[in-house]
Structure formats: structure tokens, C-alpha cells
Amino acid sequence: MMNFKKFEHPFGSHQAWVIALLLLSADLAFMTMHTVNALTVWWNNPMLNIEKDHGYPETFQYLKHFWASILCVVLAVRGRAWQFLAWAFLFVYLLADDSLTLHEQAGSAVAV
């Protein structure tokens, strides 16, 4: 029988759930603010629109991608679980693609 080393992450499971709940709550708050902003006259702030480039919700998404990539690097180094580096590169790509509109530029170059 093989003895597999159990991966011990640097964060406790309770903290991970709290962070996930906070991130999901912030996403729900941005969706609610977008809906109130779009359907009522109470607010008229275009930065709350989830479809606006570089608005508040999209900036929050940039931060999530950035911190997810940093946390993956930390997990790779501390836990010597190098497969997390692949996830880090994925989050860096998603951040670059979203903030620099890479797929839109590539699509318009192909469509011409």
C-alpha cells in the first residue's frame, strides 16, 4: 500500500470558508447594486454597471484574480505542491485578458 503525504494547506478550513463567503457576498452586493442602479431612480452611477469596463464590480474582479494568483503561488511554495503554479498562471492570464481586453482585440483582428 502506498503512503501518500497529506497536503496541509497554510490556512485552516474555517478561514477558507469565511473568505469564500465574503467574496460571494461582495459579488451578490455588486449584483444588487447593479440591479438597483439600472431599474430605479435611486442611483445613477454608471460605475456600478457590471457591463462597464473598469467599473467597480470589474475592478473587484481584477483584485480577486490577482489575489487568487498570489495565493496559488504561496500554496505552491509552502506546500511544495507545484501544480498550483498552473492555477496561478491561469489566474494571471484571466486578469490580463480581462483588464487588457485581449480576447476582444484578438477577435476584432481575426474578424477583419
PDB file of N, CA and C in Angstrom:
ATOM      1  N   MET A   1       0.848  -1.164   0.000  1.00  0.00           N
ATOM      2  CA  MET A   1       0.000   0.000   0.000  1.00  0.00           C
ATOM      3  C   MET A   1       0.899   1.234   0.000  1.00  0.00           C
ATOM      4  N   MET A   2       0.521   2.213  -0.836  1.00  0.00           N
ATOM      5  CA  MET A   2       1.319   3.423  -0.942  1.00  0.00           C
ATOM      6  C   MET A   2       0.937   4.395   0.158  1.00  0.00           C
ATOM      7  N   ASN A   3       1.915   5.084   0.663  1.00  0.00           N
ATOM      8  CA  ASN A   3       1.684   6.076   1.697  1.00  0.00           C
ATOM      9  C   ASN A   3       1.752   7.468   1.067  1.00  0.00           C
ATOM     10  N   PHE A   4       0.597   8.090   0.918  1.00  0.00           N
ATOM     11  CA  PHE A   4       0.546   9.418   0.328  1.00  0.00           C
ATOM     12  C   PHE A   4       0.658  10.457   1.418  1.00  0.00           C
ATOM     13  N   LYS A   5       1.501  11.455   1.169  1.00  0.00           N
ATOM     14  CA  LYS A   5       1.644  12.554   2.115  1.00  0.00           C
ATOM     15  C   LYS A   5       0.415  13.446   1.996  1.00  0.00           C
ATOM     16  N   LYS A   6      -0.224  13.689   3.093  1.00  0.00           N
ATOM     17  CA  LYS A   6      -1.404  14.535   3.086  1.00  0.00           C
ATOM     18  C   LYS A   6      -0.961  15.980   2.919  1.00  0.00           C
ATOM     19  N   PHE A   7      -1.603  16.673   1.959  1.00  0.00           N
ATOM     20  CA  PHE A   7      -1.281  18.069   1.727  1.00  0.00           C
ATOM     21  C   PHE A   7      -1.887  18.906   2.842  1.00  0.00           C
ATOM     22  N   GLU A   8      -1.061  19.643   3.529  1.00  0.00           N
ATOM     23  CA  GLU A   8      -1.537  20.527   4.588  1.00  0.00           C
ATOM     24  C   GLU A   8      -1.434  21.958   4.097  1.00  0.00           C
ATOM     25  N   HIS A   9      -2.587  22.590   3.937  1.00  0.00           N
ATOM     26  CA  HIS A   9      -2.566  23.955   3.453  1.00  0.00           C
ATOM     27  C   HIS A   9      -2.326  24.905   4.623  1.00  0.00           C
ATOM     28  N   PRO A  10      -1.778  26.091   4.335  1.00  0.00           N
ATOM     29  CA  PRO A  10      -1.414  27.009   5.411  1.00  0.00           C
ATOM     30  C   PRO A  10      -2.610  27.678   6.078  1.00  0.00           C
ATOM     31  N   PHE A  11      -3.788  27.583   5.483  1.00  0.00           N
ATOM     32  CA  PHE A  11      -4.968  28.208   6.050  1.00  0.00           C
ATOM     33  C   PHE A  11      -5.881  27.120   6.597  1.00  0.00           C
ATOM     34  N   GLY A  12      -6.534  27.407   7.703  1.00  0.00           N
ATOM     35  CA  GLY A  12      -7.486  26.450   8.243  1.00  0.00           C
ATOM     36  C   GLY A  12      -8.737  26.400   7.388  1.00  0.00           C
ATOM     37  N   SER A  13      -9.475  25.337   7.491  1.00  0.00           N
ATOM     38  CA  SER A  13     -10.671  25.194   6.655  1.00  0.00           C
ATOM     39  C   SER A  13     -11.730  26.232   7.012  1.00  0.00           C
ATOM     40  N   HIS A  14     -11.794  26.629   8.290  1.00  0.00           N
ATOM     41  CA  HIS A  14     -12.778  27.638   8.693  1.00  0.00           C
ATOM     42  C   HIS A  14     -12.478  28.972   8.015  1.00  0.00           C
ATOM     43  N   GLN A  15     -11.224  29.367   7.966  1.00  0.00           N
ATOM     44  CA  GLN A  15     -10.862  30.628   7.344  1.00  0.00           C
ATOM     45  C   GLN A  15     -11.155  30.609   5.848  1.00  0.00           C
ATOM     46  N   ALA A  16     -10.937  29.485   5.207  1.00  0.00           N
ATOM     47  CA  ALA A  16     -11.210  29.382   3.777  1.00  0.00           C
ATOM     48  C   ALA A  16     -12.698  29.579   3.503  1.00  0.00           C
ATOM     49  N   TRP A  17     -13.548  29.007   4.331  1.00  0.00           N
ATOM     50  CA  TRP A  17     -14.991  29.176   4.151  1.00  0.00           C
ATOM     51  C   TRP A  17     -15.400  30.621   4.388  1.00  0.00           C
ATOM     52  N   VAL A  18     -14.803  31.266   5.370  1.00  0.00           N
ATOM     53  CA  VAL A  18     -15.134  32.664   5.656  1.00  0.00           C
ATOM     54  C   VAL A  18     -14.735  33.543   4.478  1.00  0.00           C
ATOM     55  N   ILE A  19     -13.554  33.321   3.924  1.00  0.00           N
ATOM     56  CA  ILE A  19     -13.104  34.109   2.779  1.00  0.00           C
ATOM     57  C   ILE A  19     -14.018  33.875   1.581  1.00  0.00           C
ATOM     58  N   ALA A  20     -14.355  32.623   1.316  1.00  0.00           N
ATOM     59  CA  ALA A  20     -15.253  32.316   0.197  1.00  0.00           C
ATOM     60  C   ALA A  20     -16.612  32.980   0.386  1.00  0.00           C
ATOM     61  N   LEU A  21     -17.128  32.942   1.605  1.00  0.00           N
ATOM     62  CA  LEU A  21     -18.421  33.569   1.887  1.00  0.00           C
ATOM     63  C   LEU A  21     -18.351  35.079   1.709  1.00  0.00           C
ATOM     64  N   LEU A  22     -17.266  35.700   2.134  1.00  0.00           N
ATOM     65  CA  LEU A  22     -17.109  37.141   1.957  1.00  0.00           C
ATOM     66  C   LEU A  22     -17.024  37.518   0.479  1.00  0.00           C
ATOM     67  N   LEU A  23     -16.282  36.744  -0.293  1.00  0.00           N
ATOM     68  CA  LEU A  23     -16.167  37.037  -1.723  1.00  0.00           C
ATOM     69  C   LEU A  23     -17.503  36.879  -2.436  1.00  0.00           C
ATOM     70  N   LEU A  24     -18.229  35.816  -2.114  1.00  0.00           N
ATOM     71  CA  LEU A  24     -19.550  35.623  -2.721  1.00  0.00           C
ATOM     72  C   LEU A  24     -20.534  36.704  -2.284  1.00  0.00           C
ATOM     73  N   SER A  25     -20.437  37.133  -1.033  1.00  0.00           N
ATOM     74  CA  SER A  25     -21.303  38.206  -0.546  1.00  0.00           C
ATOM     75  C   SER A  25     -21.016  39.511  -1.283  1.00  0.00           C
ATOM     76  N   ALA A  26     -19.753  39.793  -1.532  1.00  0.00           N
ATOM     77  CA  ALA A  26     -19.409  41.007  -2.280  1.00  0.00           C
ATOM     78  C   ALA A  26     -19.944  40.919  -3.703  1.00  0.00           C
ATOM     79  N   ASP A  27     -19.846  39.750  -4.332  1.00  0.00           N
ATOM     80  CA  ASP A  27     -20.405  39.591  -5.682  1.00  0.00           C
ATOM     81  C   ASP A  27     -21.919  39.816  -5.674  1.00  0.00           C
ATOM     82  N   LEU A  28     -22.596  39.256  -4.697  1.00  0.00           N
ATOM     83  CA  LEU A  28     -24.048  39.461  -4.589  1.00  0.00           C
ATOM     84  C   LEU A  28     -24.380  40.922  -4.338  1.00  0.00           C
ATOM     85  N   ALA A  29     -23.568  41.606  -3.536  1.00  0.00           N
ATOM     86  CA  ALA A  29     -23.796  43.030  -3.275  1.00  0.00           C
ATOM     87  C   ALA A  29     -23.634  43.836  -4.563  1.00  0.00           C
ATOM     88  N   PHE A  30     -22.615  43.522  -5.375  1.00  0.00           N
ATOM     89  CA  PHE A  30     -22.441  44.229  -6.641  1.00  0.00           C
ATOM     90  C   PHE A  30     -23.592  43.944  -7.600  1.00  0.00           C
ATOM     91  N   MET A  31     -24.098  42.716  -7.626  1.00  0.00           N
ATOM     92  CA  MET A  31     -25.242  42.403  -8.482  1.00  0.00           C
ATOM     93  C   MET A  31     -26.478  43.169  -8.024  1.00  0.00           C
ATOM     94  N   THR A  32     -26.671  43.266  -6.718  1.00  0.00           N
ATOM     95  CA  THR A  32     -27.812  44.007  -6.178  1.00  0.00           C
ATOM     96  C   THR A  32     -27.693  45.490  -6.493  1.00  0.00           C
ATOM     97  N   MET A  33     -26.504  46.052  -6.305  1.00  0.00           N
ATOM     98  CA  MET A  33     -26.306  47.471  -6.614  1.00  0.00           C
ATOM     99  C   MET A  33     -26.514  47.747  -8.102  1.00  0.00           C
ATOM    100  N   HIS A  34     -26.070  46.830  -8.954  1.00  0.00           N
ATOM    101  CA  HIS A  34     -26.286  46.989 -10.394  1.00  0.00           C
ATOM    102  C   HIS A  34     -27.774  47.000 -10.713  1.00  0.00           C
ATOM    103  N   THR A  35     -28.506  46.065 -10.113  1.00  0.00           N
ATOM    104  CA  THR A  35     -29.948  45.973 -10.375  1.00  0.00           C
ATOM    105  C   THR A  35     -30.670  47.225  -9.901  1.00  0.00           C
ATOM    106  N   VAL A  36     -30.360  47.679  -8.692  1.00  0.00           N
ATOM    107  CA  VAL A  36     -30.997  48.894  -8.167  1.00  0.00           C
ATOM    108  C   VAL A  36     -30.617  50.091  -9.032  1.00  0.00           C
ATOM    109  N   ASN A  37     -29.365  50.149  -9.443  1.00  0.00           N
ATOM    110  CA  ASN A  37     -28.894  51.258 -10.277  1.00  0.00           C
ATOM    111  C   ASN A  37     -29.582  51.261 -11.638  1.00  0.00           C
ATOM    112  N   ALA A  38     -29.808  50.094 -12.216  1.00  0.00           N
ATOM    113  CA  ALA A  38     -30.382  50.004 -13.561  1.00  0.00           C
ATOM    114  C   ALA A  38     -31.893  50.162 -13.574  1.00  0.00           C
ATOM    115  N   LEU A  39     -32.574  49.701 -12.530  1.00  0.00           N
ATOM    116  CA  LEU A  39     -34.038  49.634 -12.573  1.00  0.00           C
ATOM    117  C   LEU A  39     -34.753  50.692 -11.764  1.00  0.00           C
ATOM    118  N   THR A  40     -34.032  51.490 -11.006  1.00  0.00           N
ATOM    119  CA  THR A  40     -34.691  52.513 -10.188  1.00  0.00           C
ATOM    120  C   THR A  40     -34.043  53.874 -10.452  1.00  0.00           C
ATOM    121  N   VAL A  41     -34.628  54.885  -9.868  1.00  0.00           N
ATOM    122  CA  VAL A  41     -34.067  56.235  -9.991  1.00  0.00           C
ATOM    123  C   VAL A  41     -33.279  56.623  -8.748  1.00  0.00           C
ATOM    124  N   TRP A  42     -33.077  55.675  -7.828  1.00  0.00           N
ATOM    125  CA  TRP A  42     -32.382  55.993  -6.581  1.00  0.00           C
ATOM    126  C   TRP A  42     -30.916  56.314  -6.826  1.00  0.00           C
ATOM    127  N   TRP A  43     -30.299  55.579  -7.719  1.00  0.00           N
ATOM    128  CA  TRP A  43     -28.890  55.810  -8.040  1.00  0.00           C
ATOM    129  C   TRP A  43     -28.765  56.061  -9.529  1.00  0.00           C
ATOM    130  N   ASN A  44     -27.764  56.816  -9.884  1.00  0.00           N
ATOM    131  CA  ASN A  44     -27.444  56.996 -11.294  1.00  0.00           C
ATOM    132  C   ASN A  44     -25.924  57.020 -11.422  1.00  0.00           C
ATOM    133  N   ASN A  45     -25.306  55.900 -11.077  1.00  0.00           N
ATOM    134  CA  ASN A  45     -23.858  55.802 -11.093  1.00  0.00           C
ATOM    135  C   ASN A  45     -23.456  54.757 -12.136  1.00  0.00           C
ATOM    136  N   PRO A  46     -22.898  55.171 -13.261  1.00  0.00           N
ATOM    137  CA  PRO A  46     -22.519  54.198 -14.293  1.00  0.00           C
ATOM    138  C   PRO A  46     -21.397  53.263 -13.848  1.00  0.00           C
ATOM    139  N   MET A  47     -20.640  53.630 -12.819  1.00  0.00           N
ATOM    140  CA  MET A  47     -19.550  52.768 -12.346  1.00  0.00           C
ATOM    141  C   MET A  47     -20.069  51.521 -11.645  1.00  0.00           C
ATOM    142  N   LEU A  48     -21.363  51.479 -11.297  1.00  0.00           N
ATOM    143  CA  LEU A  48     -21.951  50.299 -10.666  1.00  0.00           C
ATOM    144  C   LEU A  48     -22.476  49.295 -11.684  1.00  0.00           C
ATOM    145  N   ASN A  49     -22.426  49.637 -12.958  1.00  0.00           N
ATOM    146  CA  ASN A  49     -22.899  48.754 -14.015  1.00  0.00           C
ATOM    147  C   ASN A  49     -21.904  47.600 -14.186  1.00  0.00           C
ATOM    148  N   ILE A  50     -22.397  46.369 -14.121  1.00  0.00           N
ATOM    149  CA  ILE A  50     -21.497  45.215 -14.237  1.00  0.00           C
ATOM    150  C   ILE A  50     -20.994  45.020 -15.663  1.00  0.00           C
ATOM    151  N   GLU A  51     -21.584  45.720 -16.626  1.00  0.00           N
ATOM    152  CA  GLU A  51     -21.140  45.609 -18.010  1.00  0.00           C
ATOM    153  C   GLU A  51     -20.125  46.687 -18.388  1.00  0.00           C
ATOM    154  N   LYS A  52     -19.889  47.653 -17.519  1.00  0.00           N
ATOM    155  CA  LYS A  52     -18.955  48.746 -17.819  1.00  0.00           C
ATOM    156  C   LYS A  52     -17.523  48.300 -17.580  1.00  0.00           C
ATOM    157  N   ASP A  53     -16.673  48.559 -18.565  1.00  0.00           N
ATOM    158  CA  ASP A  53     -15.252  48.250 -18.405  1.00  0.00           C
ATOM    159  C   ASP A  53     -14.647  49.138 -17.327  1.00  0.00           C
ATOM    160  N   HIS A  54     -13.881  48.527 -16.453  1.00  0.00           N
ATOM    161  CA  HIS A  54     -13.162  49.194 -15.365  1.00  0.00           C
ATOM    162  C   HIS A  54     -14.097  49.874 -14.364  1.00  0.00           C
ATOM    163  N   GLY A  55     -15.330  49.367 -14.244  1.00  0.00           N
ATOM    164  CA  GLY A  55     -16.233  49.850 -13.203  1.00  0.00           C
ATOM    165  C   GLY A  55     -15.881  49.201 -11.871  1.00  0.00           C
ATOM    166  N   TYR A  56     -16.645  49.522 -10.849  1.00  0.00           N
ATOM    167  CA  TYR A  56     -16.363  48.979  -9.518  1.00  0.00           C
ATOM    168  C   TYR A  56     -16.434  47.450  -9.462  1.00  0.00           C
ATOM    169  N   PRO A  57     -17.489  46.830 -10.022  1.00  0.00           N
ATOM    170  CA  PRO A  57     -17.530  45.360  -9.968  1.00  0.00           C
ATOM    171  C   PRO A  57     -16.375  44.702 -10.723  1.00  0.00           C
ATOM    172  N   GLU A  58     -15.999  45.269 -11.871  1.00  0.00           N
ATOM    173  CA  GLU A  58     -14.916  44.667 -12.637  1.00  0.00           C
ATOM    174  C   GLU A  58     -13.572  44.864 -11.937  1.00  0.00           C
ATOM    175  N   THR A  59     -13.388  46.000 -11.286  1.00  0.00           N
ATOM    176  CA  THR A  59     -12.163  46.226 -10.519  1.00  0.00           C
ATOM    177  C   THR A  59     -12.062  45.231  -9.375  1.00  0.00           C
ATOM    178  N   PHE A  60     -13.180  44.935  -8.734  1.00  0.00           N
ATOM    179  CA  PHE A  60     -13.198  43.920  -7.679  1.00  0.00           C
ATOM    180  C   PHE A  60     -12.810  42.552  -8.249  1.00  0.00           C
ATOM    181  N   GLN A  61     -13.269  42.265  -9.461  1.00  0.00           N
ATOM    182  CA  GLN A  61     -12.907  41.002 -10.107  1.00  0.00           C
ATOM    183  C   GLN A  61     -11.410  40.955 -10.410  1.00  0.00           C
ATOM    184  N   TYR A  62     -10.843  42.083 -10.811  1.00  0.00           N
ATOM    185  CA  TYR A  62      -9.392  42.148 -11.026  1.00  0.00           C
ATOM    186  C   TYR A  62      -8.653  41.797  -9.744  1.00  0.00           C
ATOM    187  N   LEU A  63      -9.108  42.359  -8.630  1.00  0.00           N
ATOM    188  CA  LEU A  63      -8.469  42.071  -7.341  1.00  0.00           C
ATOM    189  C   LEU A  63      -8.578  40.597  -6.979  1.00  0.00           C
ATOM    190  N   LYS A  64      -9.730  39.996  -7.262  1.00  0.00           N
ATOM    191  CA  LYS A  64      -9.883  38.570  -6.971  1.00  0.00           C
ATOM    192  C   LYS A  64      -8.929  37.726  -7.804  1.00  0.00           C
ATOM    193  N   HIS A  65      -8.789  38.045  -9.080  1.00  0.00           N
ATOM    194  CA  HIS A  65      -7.843  37.302  -9.915  1.00  0.00           C
ATOM    195  C   HIS A  65      -6.416  37.485  -9.417  1.00  0.00           C
ATOM    196  N   PHE A  66      -6.067  38.708  -9.052  1.00  0.00           N
ATOM    197  CA  PHE A  66      -4.712  38.985  -8.562  1.00  0.00           C
ATOM    198  C   PHE A  66      -4.422  38.193  -7.288  1.00  0.00           C
ATOM    199  N   TRP A  67      -5.320  38.261  -6.324  1.00  0.00           N
ATOM    200  CA  TRP A  67      -5.086  37.567  -5.055  1.00  0.00           C
ATOM    201  C   TRP A  67      -5.159  36.056  -5.217  1.00  0.00           C
ATOM    202  N   ALA A  68      -5.990  35.569  -6.109  1.00  0.00           N
ATOM    203  CA  ALA A  68      -6.031  34.124  -6.355  1.00  0.00           C
ATOM    204  C   ALA A  68      -4.699  33.641  -6.915  1.00  0.00           C
ATOM    205  N   SER A  69      -4.106  34.415  -7.810  1.00  0.00           N
ATOM    206  CA  SER A  69      -2.805  34.013  -8.353  1.00  0.00           C
ATOM    207  C   SER A  69      -1.727  34.063  -7.276  1.00  0.00           C
ATOM    208  N   ILE A  70      -1.748  35.085  -6.430  1.00  0.00           N
ATOM    209  CA  ILE A  70      -0.770  35.179  -5.335  1.00  0.00           C
ATOM    210  C   ILE A  70      -0.941  34.005  -4.371  1.00  0.00           C
ATOM    211  N   LEU A  71      -2.181  33.693  -4.009  1.00  0.00           N
ATOM    212  CA  LEU A  71      -2.426  32.579  -3.080  1.00  0.00           C
ATOM    213  C   LEU A  71      -2.001  31.248  -3.685  1.00  0.00           C
ATOM    214  N   CYS A  72      -2.176  31.076  -4.983  1.00  0.00           N
ATOM    215  CA  CYS A  72      -1.727  29.835  -5.620  1.00  0.00           C
ATOM    216  C   CYS A  72      -0.210  29.708  -5.568  1.00  0.00           C
ATOM    217  N   VAL A  73       0.497  30.811  -5.756  1.00  0.00           N
ATOM    218  CA  VAL A  73       1.962  30.773  -5.653  1.00  0.00           C
ATOM    219  C   VAL A  73       2.371  30.449  -4.224  1.00  0.00           C
ATOM    220  N   VAL A  74       1.703  31.054  -3.249  1.00  0.00           N
ATOM    221  CA  VAL A  74       2.013  30.771  -1.835  1.00  0.00           C
ATOM    222  C   VAL A  74       1.770  29.301  -1.524  1.00  0.00           C
ATOM    223  N   LEU A  75       0.650  28.759  -1.988  1.00  0.00           N
ATOM    224  CA  LEU A  75       0.358  27.345  -1.759  1.00  0.00           C
ATOM    225  C   LEU A  75       1.385  26.447  -2.438  1.00  0.00           C
ATOM    226  N   ALA A  76       1.834  26.830  -3.614  1.00  0.00           N
ATOM    227  CA  ALA A  76       2.826  26.029  -4.329  1.00  0.00           C
ATOM    228  C   ALA A  76       4.146  26.004  -3.561  1.00  0.00           C
ATOM    229  N   VAL A  77       4.555  27.152  -3.055  1.00  0.00           N
ATOM    230  CA  VAL A  77       5.846  27.237  -2.376  1.00  0.00           C
ATOM    231  C   VAL A  77       5.782  26.609  -0.985  1.00  0.00           C
ATOM    232  N   ARG A  78       4.779  26.987  -0.203  1.00  0.00           N
ATOM    233  CA  ARG A  78       4.702  26.468   1.174  1.00  0.00           C
ATOM    234  C   ARG A  78       4.403  24.980   1.228  1.00  0.00           C
ATOM    235  N   GLY A  79       3.501  24.543   0.360  1.00  0.00           N
ATOM    236  CA  GLY A  79       3.104  23.141   0.394  1.00  0.00           C
ATOM    237  C   GLY A  79       3.893  22.266  -0.555  1.00  0.00           C
ATOM    238  N   ARG A  80       4.827  22.877  -1.279  1.00  0.00           N
ATOM    239  CA  ARG A  80       5.605  22.167  -2.290  1.00  0.00           C
ATOM    240  C   ARG A  80       4.676  21.384  -3.225  1.00  0.00           C
ATOM    241  N   ALA A  81       3.555  22.004  -3.530  1.00  0.00           N
ATOM    242  CA  ALA A  81       2.570  21.433  -4.457  1.00  0.00           C
ATOM    243  C   ALA A  81       2.609  22.287  -5.717  1.00  0.00           C
ATOM    244  N   TRP A  82       3.506  21.939  -6.617  1.00  0.00           N
ATOM    245  CA  TRP A  82       3.812  22.795  -7.754  1.00  0.00           C
ATOM    246  C   TRP A  82       2.692  22.868  -8.776  1.00  0.00           C
ATOM    247  N   GLN A  83       1.700  21.999  -8.689  1.00  0.00           N
ATOM    248  CA  GLN A  83       0.575  22.078  -9.620  1.00  0.00           C
ATOM    249  C   GLN A  83      -0.228  23.364  -9.403  1.00  0.00           C
ATOM    250  N   PHE A  84      -0.079  23.992  -8.245  1.00  0.00           N
ATOM    251  CA  PHE A  84      -0.768  25.260  -8.007  1.00  0.00           C
ATOM    252  C   PHE A  84      -0.210  26.372  -8.895  1.00  0.00           C
ATOM    253  N   LEU A  85       1.018  26.206  -9.387  1.00  0.00           N
ATOM    254  CA  LEU A  85       1.574  27.218 -10.290  1.00  0.00           C
ATOM    255  C   LEU A  85       0.795  27.287 -11.589  1.00  0.00           C
ATOM    256  N   ALA A  86       0.271  26.150 -12.045  1.00  0.00           N
ATOM    257  CA  ALA A  86      -0.567  26.166 -13.250  1.00  0.00           C
ATOM    258  C   ALA A  86      -1.823  27.006 -13.013  1.00  0.00           C
ATOM    259  N   TRP A  87      -2.406  26.875 -11.832  1.00  0.00           N
ATOM    260  CA  TRP A  87      -3.569  27.689 -11.485  1.00  0.00           C
ATOM    261  C   TRP A  87      -3.187  29.162 -11.385  1.00  0.00           C
ATOM    262  N   ALA A  88      -2.009  29.441 -10.833  1.00  0.00           N
ATOM    263  CA  ALA A  88      -1.553  30.828 -10.739  1.00  0.00           C
ATOM    264  C   ALA A  88      -1.436  31.448 -12.125  1.00  0.00           C
ATOM    265  N   PHE A  89      -0.843  30.704 -13.077  1.00  0.00           N
ATOM    266  CA  PHE A  89      -0.725  31.212 -14.440  1.00  0.00           C
ATOM    267  C   PHE A  89      -2.098  31.421 -15.073  1.00  0.00           C
ATOM    268  N   LEU A  90      -3.040  30.542 -14.786  1.00  0.00           N
ATOM    269  CA  LEU A  90      -4.393  30.709 -15.307  1.00  0.00           C
ATOM    270  C   LEU A  90      -5.020  32.000 -14.786  1.00  0.00           C
ATOM    271  N   PHE A  91      -4.897  32.261 -13.485  1.00  0.00           N
ATOM    272  CA  PHE A  91      -5.476  33.480 -12.921  1.00  0.00           C
ATOM    273  C   PHE A  91      -4.777  34.728 -13.441  1.00  0.00           C
ATOM    274  N   VAL A  92      -3.469  34.655 -13.666  1.00  0.00           N
ATOM    275  CA  VAL A  92      -2.752  35.795 -14.251  1.00  0.00           C
ATOM    276  C   VAL A  92      -3.238  36.040 -15.677  1.00  0.00           C
ATOM    277  N   TYR A  93      -3.438  34.965 -16.437  1.00  0.00           N
ATOM    278  CA  TYR A  93      -3.960  35.117 -17.795  1.00  0.00           C
ATOM    279  C   TYR A  93      -5.366  35.732 -17.768  1.00  0.00           C
ATOM    280  N   LEU A  94      -6.231  35.243 -16.887  1.00  0.00           N
ATOM    281  CA  LEU A  94      -7.583  35.790 -16.806  1.00  0.00           C
ATOM    282  C   LEU A  94      -7.564  37.271 -16.430  1.00  0.00           C
ATOM    283  N   LEU A  95      -6.663  37.642 -15.523  1.00  0.00           N
ATOM    284  CA  LEU A  95      -6.523  39.048 -15.148  1.00  0.00           C
ATOM    285  C   LEU A  95      -6.067  39.882 -16.340  1.00  0.00           C
ATOM    286  N   ALA A  96      -5.041  39.413 -17.041  1.00  0.00           N
ATOM    287  CA  ALA A  96      -4.541  40.154 -18.199  1.00  0.00           C
ATOM    288  C   ALA A  96      -5.597  40.230 -19.298  1.00  0.00           C
ATOM    289  N   ASP A  97      -6.276  39.136 -19.556  1.00  0.00           N
ATOM    290  CA  ASP A  97      -7.292  39.105 -20.600  1.00  0.00           C
ATOM    291  C   ASP A  97      -8.434  40.055 -20.279  1.00  0.00           C
ATOM    292  N   ASP A  98      -8.860  40.060 -19.039  1.00  0.00           N
ATOM    293  CA  ASP A  98      -9.994  40.890 -18.644  1.00  0.00           C
ATOM    294  C   ASP A  98      -9.616  42.366 -18.601  1.00  0.00           C
ATOM    295  N   SER A  99      -8.477  42.682 -18.022  1.00  0.00           N
ATOM    296  CA  SER A  99      -8.118  44.089 -17.863  1.00  0.00           C
ATOM    297  C   SER A  99      -7.578  44.717 -19.142  1.00  0.00           C
ATOM    298  N   LEU A 100      -6.919  43.945 -19.983  1.00  0.00           N
ATOM    299  CA  LEU A 100      -6.341  44.482 -21.217  1.00  0.00           C
ATOM    300  C   LEU A 100      -7.185  44.178 -22.445  1.00  0.00           C
ATOM    301  N   THR A 101      -8.344  43.556 -22.264  1.00  0.00           N
ATOM    302  CA  THR A 101      -9.282  43.182 -23.334  1.00  0.00           C
ATOM    303  C   THR A 101      -8.579  42.433 -24.469  1.00  0.00           C
ATOM    304  N   LEU A 102      -7.803  41.435 -24.103  1.00  0.00           N
ATOM    305  CA  LEU A 102      -7.025  40.691 -25.095  1.00  0.00           C
ATOM    306  C   LEU A 102      -7.915  39.923 -26.068  1.00  0.00           C
ATOM    307  N   HIS A 103      -8.948  39.230 -25.546  1.00  0.00           N
ATOM    308  CA  HIS A 103      -9.756  38.423 -26.460  1.00  0.00           C
ATOM    309  C   HIS A 103     -10.606  39.299 -27.384  1.00  0.00           C
ATOM    310  N   GLU A 104     -10.991  40.498 -26.944  1.00  0.00           N
ATOM    311  CA  GLU A 104     -11.720  41.396 -27.830  1.00  0.00           C
ATOM    312  C   GLU A 104     -10.821  41.877 -28.966  1.00  0.00           C
ATOM    313  N   GLN A 105      -9.567  42.211 -28.638  1.00  0.00           N
ATOM    314  CA  GLN A 105      -8.639  42.684 -29.659  1.00  0.00           C
ATOM    315  C   GLN A 105      -8.296  41.555 -30.645  1.00  0.00           C
ATOM    316  N   ALA A 106      -8.092  40.348 -30.121  1.00  0.00           N
ATOM    317  CA  ALA A 106      -7.797  39.217 -30.998  1.00  0.00           C
ATOM    318  C   ALA A 106      -9.000  38.896 -31.883  1.00  0.00           C
ATOM    319  N   GLY A 107     -10.194  38.980 -31.338  1.00  0.00           N
ATOM    320  CA  GLY A 107     -11.403  38.716 -32.126  1.00  0.00           C
ATOM    321  C   GLY A 107     -11.597  39.723 -33.236  1.00  0.00           C
ATOM    322  N   SER A 108     -11.339  40.984 -32.931  1.00  0.00           N
ATOM    323  CA  SER A 108     -11.504  42.004 -33.988  1.00  0.00           C
ATOM    324  C   SER A 108     -10.409  41.879 -35.041  1.00  0.00           C
ATOM    325  N   ALA A 109      -9.216  41.411 -34.653  1.00  0.00           N
ATOM    326  CA  ALA A 109      -8.151  41.206 -35.636  1.00  0.00           C
ATOM    327  C   ALA A 109      -8.483  40.038 -36.558  1.00  0.00           C
ATOM    328  N   VAL A 110      -9.103  38.992 -36.022  1.00  0.00           N
ATOM    329  CA  VAL A 110      -9.476  37.837 -36.832  1.00  0.00           C
ATOM    330  C   VAL A 110     -10.679  38.165 -37.711  1.00  0.00           C
ATOM    331  N   ALA A 111     -11.601  38.981 -37.223  1.00  0.00           N
ATOM    332  CA  ALA A 111     -12.825  39.293 -37.949  1.00  0.00           C
ATOM    333  C   ALA A 111     -12.585  40.213 -39.129  1.00  0.00           C
ATOM    334  N   VAL A 112     -11.459  40.898 -39.165  1.00  0.00           N
ATOM    335  CA  VAL A 112     -11.201  41.844 -40.250  1.00  0.00           C
ATOM    336  C   VAL A 112     -10.855  41.168 -41.523  1.00  0.00           C
TER     337      VAL A 112
END
